[in-house]
Protein backbone atom coordinates (compact mmCIF):
# COMPACT_ATOMS: atom_id res chain seq x y z
CA MET A 1 104.14 129.97 114.89
CA THR A 2 107.11 131.80 113.35
CA ASP A 3 110.43 130.19 112.48
CA GLN A 4 112.09 132.18 115.25
CA ALA A 5 109.57 130.91 117.79
CA ASN A 6 110.20 127.37 116.59
CA MET A 7 113.94 127.88 117.16
CA THR A 8 113.47 129.18 120.72
CA ALA A 9 110.71 126.80 121.86
CA PRO A 10 111.98 124.17 124.32
CA ARG A 11 112.37 120.71 122.85
CA ARG A 12 110.18 118.05 124.44
CA SER A 13 111.30 114.47 124.89
CA ILE A 14 109.32 111.35 124.08
CA GLY A 15 109.50 110.52 127.77
CA GLU A 16 107.62 113.72 128.63
CA LEU A 17 104.94 112.84 126.07
CA ARG A 18 104.53 109.35 127.55
CA ALA A 19 104.03 110.92 130.98
CA LEU A 20 100.99 112.84 129.66
CA THR A 21 99.05 109.88 128.26
CA PRO A 22 98.54 106.15 128.75
CA ALA A 23 98.40 105.81 124.93
CA ARG A 24 101.13 103.81 123.25
CA VAL A 25 103.46 106.44 121.76
CA GLY A 26 107.14 106.34 120.92
CA LEU A 27 107.40 102.60 121.44
CA GLY A 28 110.69 102.22 119.64
CA ARG A 29 111.70 99.17 117.64
CA SER A 30 114.08 96.27 117.57
CA GLY A 31 114.94 95.69 113.93
CA ALA A 32 111.58 95.44 112.17
CA SER A 33 109.73 94.47 115.37
CA LEU A 34 108.66 95.97 118.66
CA PRO A 35 111.06 95.79 121.60
CA THR A 36 110.44 92.77 123.83
CA ARG A 37 109.39 94.91 126.81
CA VAL A 38 106.80 96.78 124.75
CA LEU A 39 105.41 93.55 123.33
CA LEU A 40 105.14 92.01 126.80
CA ASP A 41 103.37 95.13 128.12
CA PHE A 42 100.88 94.95 125.23
CA THR A 43 100.25 91.25 125.88
CA LEU A 44 99.68 91.91 129.59
CA ASP A 45 97.21 94.74 128.94
CA HIS A 46 95.37 92.59 126.39
CA ALA A 47 95.08 89.80 128.96
CA ARG A 48 93.76 92.24 131.56
CA ALA A 49 91.10 93.46 129.12
CA ARG A 50 90.01 89.88 128.38
CA ASP A 51 89.93 89.06 132.09
CA ALA A 52 87.73 92.10 132.76
CA VAL A 53 85.17 90.89 130.21
CA HIS A 54 84.98 87.43 131.77
CA ALA A 55 85.32 88.42 135.44
CA PRO A 56 82.60 87.16 137.79
CA PHE A 57 79.88 89.67 138.62
CA GLU A 58 79.85 90.06 142.42
CA VAL A 59 76.08 90.47 142.81
CA GLU A 60 75.94 89.67 146.54
CA SER A 61 78.78 92.03 147.39
CA ILE A 62 77.17 94.87 145.39
CA ALA A 63 73.78 94.20 146.98
CA GLY A 64 75.36 94.32 150.43
CA GLY A 65 77.10 97.60 149.64
CA LEU A 66 73.88 99.17 148.37
CA ALA A 67 71.94 97.93 151.40
CA ALA A 68 74.52 99.63 153.63
CA LEU A 69 73.65 102.87 151.83
CA GLY A 70 69.98 102.38 152.69
CA LEU A 71 68.85 101.22 149.26
CA GLU A 72 66.45 98.35 148.68
CA THR A 73 67.83 96.06 145.96
CA VAL A 74 66.26 93.83 143.33
CA THR A 75 68.24 91.37 141.20
CA VAL A 76 67.25 90.63 137.61
CA SER A 77 68.72 88.93 134.55
CA SER A 78 68.57 89.51 130.83
CA GLN A 79 67.59 86.87 128.29
CA ALA A 80 71.25 85.91 127.79
CA PRO A 81 71.53 82.58 129.65
CA ALA A 82 75.35 82.53 129.77
CA ARG A 83 78.28 84.87 129.22
CA ALA A 84 79.04 83.35 125.82
CA ASP A 85 75.46 84.05 124.70
CA TYR A 86 75.72 87.59 126.02
CA LEU A 87 78.83 88.29 123.96
CA LYS A 88 77.49 86.68 120.78
CA ARG A 89 73.92 88.01 121.00
CA PRO A 90 73.81 91.66 122.14
CA ASP A 91 70.05 91.70 121.52
CA LEU A 92 69.49 89.19 124.34
CA GLY A 93 71.14 91.55 126.80
CA ARG A 94 68.58 94.27 126.02
CA LYS A 95 65.54 92.33 127.26
CA LEU A 96 64.59 90.96 130.67
CA ASP A 97 64.05 87.24 131.01
CA PRO A 98 60.41 86.31 131.78
CA GLU A 99 61.05 85.58 135.47
CA SER A 100 62.75 88.93 136.06
CA ARG A 101 60.04 90.81 134.20
CA ALA A 102 57.34 89.09 136.27
CA ARG A 103 59.26 89.91 139.47
CA LEU A 104 59.32 93.62 138.67
CA MET A 105 55.70 93.69 137.51
CA ALA A 106 54.61 92.02 140.77
CA ARG A 107 56.16 94.81 142.84
CA ALA A 108 53.36 97.27 141.99
CA ALA A 109 55.95 99.99 142.30
CA MET A 110 55.04 103.55 143.16
CA ALA A 111 56.27 106.12 140.65
CA CYS A 112 59.72 107.53 141.47
CA ASP A 113 61.94 110.29 140.14
CA VAL A 114 65.12 108.27 139.75
CA ILE A 115 66.04 104.63 139.55
CA ILE A 116 69.61 103.34 139.62
CA ILE A 117 70.39 100.19 137.67
CA ILE A 118 73.75 98.47 138.02
CA GLY A 119 74.59 96.13 135.14
CA ASP A 120 77.66 94.01 134.55
CA GLY A 121 78.07 95.06 130.91
CA LEU A 122 81.33 94.31 129.13
CA SER A 123 83.46 94.76 132.25
CA PRO A 124 81.99 93.24 135.41
CA ALA A 125 85.35 93.99 137.02
CA ALA A 126 84.72 97.73 136.58
CA VAL A 127 81.30 97.47 138.20
CA ASP A 128 82.64 95.45 141.12
CA ALA A 129 85.37 98.05 141.65
CA HIS A 130 83.47 101.32 141.26
CA ALA A 131 79.66 101.07 141.27
CA VAL A 132 78.89 101.12 145.00
CA SER A 133 81.46 103.84 145.71
CA LEU A 134 79.97 106.00 142.96
CA VAL A 135 76.42 105.51 144.26
CA GLU A 136 77.60 106.50 147.74
CA VAL A 137 78.88 109.83 146.38
CA LEU A 138 75.90 110.33 144.07
CA LEU A 139 73.00 109.89 146.50
CA PRO A 140 73.72 113.03 148.60
CA LYS A 141 73.67 115.04 145.35
CA LEU A 142 70.04 114.05 144.69
CA PRO A 143 68.21 115.71 147.62
CA GLY A 144 64.47 116.06 147.23
CA LEU A 145 64.25 113.38 144.53
CA VAL A 146 62.46 110.10 145.15
CA VAL A 147 64.96 107.31 144.45
CA GLY A 148 63.41 103.92 143.75
CA PRO A 149 64.90 100.52 144.52
CA ALA A 150 68.33 99.79 143.08
CA VAL A 151 68.31 97.07 140.44
CA ILE A 152 71.29 94.76 139.89
CA ALA A 153 71.14 93.28 136.39
CA THR A 154 73.16 90.34 135.10
CA GLY A 155 73.89 89.95 131.40
CA ALA A 156 72.97 93.59 130.88
CA ARG A 157 73.31 95.88 127.90
CA VAL A 158 72.57 99.58 128.28
CA ALA A 159 69.07 99.35 126.80
CA LEU A 160 68.01 96.84 129.46
CA GLY A 161 67.65 99.83 131.78
CA ASP A 162 64.83 101.20 129.62
CA GLU A 163 62.60 98.19 130.26
CA ILE A 164 63.49 98.16 133.96
CA GLY A 165 62.81 101.87 134.33
CA ALA A 166 59.44 101.56 132.62
CA LEU A 167 58.32 98.67 134.83
CA LEU A 168 59.33 100.54 137.99
CA LYS A 169 57.66 103.77 136.81
CA ALA A 170 60.81 105.85 136.95
CA ARG A 171 60.88 109.34 135.46
CA ILE A 172 64.58 108.97 134.73
CA GLY A 173 66.78 105.88 134.71
CA ILE A 174 70.49 105.85 135.56
CA MET A 175 72.32 102.79 134.30
CA LEU A 176 75.79 102.19 135.74
CA ILE A 177 77.52 99.59 133.58
CA GLY A 178 80.96 98.24 132.77
CA GLU A 179 82.36 99.80 129.60
CA ARG A 180 84.12 97.87 126.86
CA PRO A 181 87.68 97.34 128.19
CA GLY A 182 90.50 99.12 126.46
CA LEU A 183 94.17 98.21 126.55
CA SER A 184 94.81 101.06 129.00
CA ALA A 185 91.44 101.04 130.79
CA PRO A 186 90.06 97.56 131.58
CA HIS A 187 88.08 98.76 134.62
CA SER A 188 86.11 101.75 133.30
CA LEU A 189 82.53 102.40 134.41
CA GLY A 190 79.92 104.25 132.36
CA ALA A 191 76.69 105.97 133.43
CA TYR A 192 73.75 106.30 131.02
CA LEU A 193 70.76 108.53 131.81
CA THR A 194 67.41 108.24 130.05
CA PHE A 195 64.34 110.38 130.62
CA ALA A 196 61.00 108.51 130.51
CA PRO A 197 62.67 105.13 129.91
CA LYS A 198 60.77 102.59 127.85
CA PRO A 199 61.71 99.78 125.45
CA GLY A 200 62.63 100.84 121.94
CA LEU A 201 64.59 104.02 122.69
CA THR A 202 67.86 104.67 120.89
CA ASP A 203 71.27 105.87 122.08
CA ALA A 204 70.38 109.36 120.81
CA GLU A 205 67.84 109.57 123.64
CA ARG A 206 70.28 109.04 126.51
CA ASN A 207 73.23 110.86 127.99
CA CYS A 208 76.51 109.17 128.84
CA VAL A 209 79.13 109.95 131.48
CA SER A 210 82.04 107.67 130.68
CA ASN A 211 85.54 106.72 131.80
CA ILE A 212 84.74 106.62 135.52
CA GLN A 213 87.83 104.98 136.96
CA THR A 214 90.96 105.59 138.99
CA ALA A 215 92.88 107.06 136.05
CA GLY A 216 89.84 108.81 134.57
CA LEU A 217 86.83 110.66 135.94
CA SER A 218 86.70 110.63 139.75
CA TYR A 219 83.59 109.59 141.66
CA ASP A 220 82.88 113.17 142.72
CA GLU A 221 83.34 114.57 139.20
CA ALA A 222 81.13 111.86 137.75
CA ALA A 223 78.48 112.29 140.45
CA VAL A 224 78.25 116.05 139.81
CA LYS A 225 77.70 115.43 136.10
CA ILE A 226 75.17 112.64 136.66
CA ALA A 227 73.20 114.64 139.24
CA TRP A 228 73.17 117.72 137.01
CA LEU A 229 71.94 115.72 134.02
CA ALA A 230 69.30 113.98 136.15
CA ARG A 231 67.92 117.24 137.54
CA GLN A 232 67.99 119.03 134.21
CA GLY A 233 66.48 116.04 132.44
CA LEU A 234 63.59 116.01 134.91
CA ALA A 235 63.13 119.77 134.69
CA ARG A 236 63.21 119.93 130.89
CA GLY A 237 61.60 116.57 130.16
CA VAL A 238 64.40 115.44 127.83
CA SER A 239 67.64 113.49 127.68
CA GLY A 240 70.14 112.55 125.00
CA VAL A 241 71.01 114.92 122.16
CA ALA A 242 68.43 117.42 123.41
CA LEU A 243 70.28 117.79 126.73
CA LYS A 244 73.89 118.98 126.70
CA ASP A 245 76.09 118.61 129.77
CA GLU A 246 76.71 122.16 130.95
CA SER A 247 77.63 121.28 134.53
CA THR A 248 81.21 122.46 134.05
CA MET A 249 80.01 125.91 132.91
CA LEU A 250 78.57 126.77 136.33
CA PRO A 251 80.66 128.20 139.20
CA ALA A 252 81.54 125.61 141.82
CA LYS A 253 79.20 127.16 144.44
CA GLU A 254 76.32 127.21 141.96
CA VAL A 255 76.86 123.55 141.04
CA THR A 256 76.83 122.60 144.72
CA ARG A 257 73.67 124.59 145.39
CA ARG A 258 71.81 123.08 142.44
CA GLN A 259 72.79 119.54 143.35
């Protein structure tokens, strides 16, 4: 940009910048410290993030919502016996406890195209707020695909979906899980898709659609991305780094037709 352009460009205020982002910018100062209002806002957001991590996981309410959508539900738990264990031992959240594993093995499930797993993750509050509503928007975008029973998993990390998907003979697993709360987004939901799920896969082998929340990705936007990734993953036999999200590159009519 030339000096003349710099002189004629309209000046933008800090207030206008704050209106564009929830990030903490232009906070000001009081002496060598933050202004009291800014400090109180930070403390409140930090408390909300902590509350989201420790919020109760409303399993019965989620199961009822999924049943209303016509989905059979199964509840399982990871090997983390309590929330404190879950937070201290991420590895325990990646494996089913013996009772849950036996319950899924006893189902003698028929192979299915897609299975939806809903896990509490690091923000049960996000799952309680968004998971059922997202599934309601997603299901109509999966016509022609066989959707297996929905699994509600307590004490879940993302990789727990791989073991669940393998036991239920799913071609692709969709894990909806509460994301790590941020100071501006304590109730953010993430969706992780894995083709041919099985224990031992890495994050490089799954796709993620993140920041599903009121101030982030809408249910419809997220559902279009998830459905596109699911269909393309099934068609190409891959997920993760081998499958790039190109859903936004298609015309709106084409996206609708393909979903």
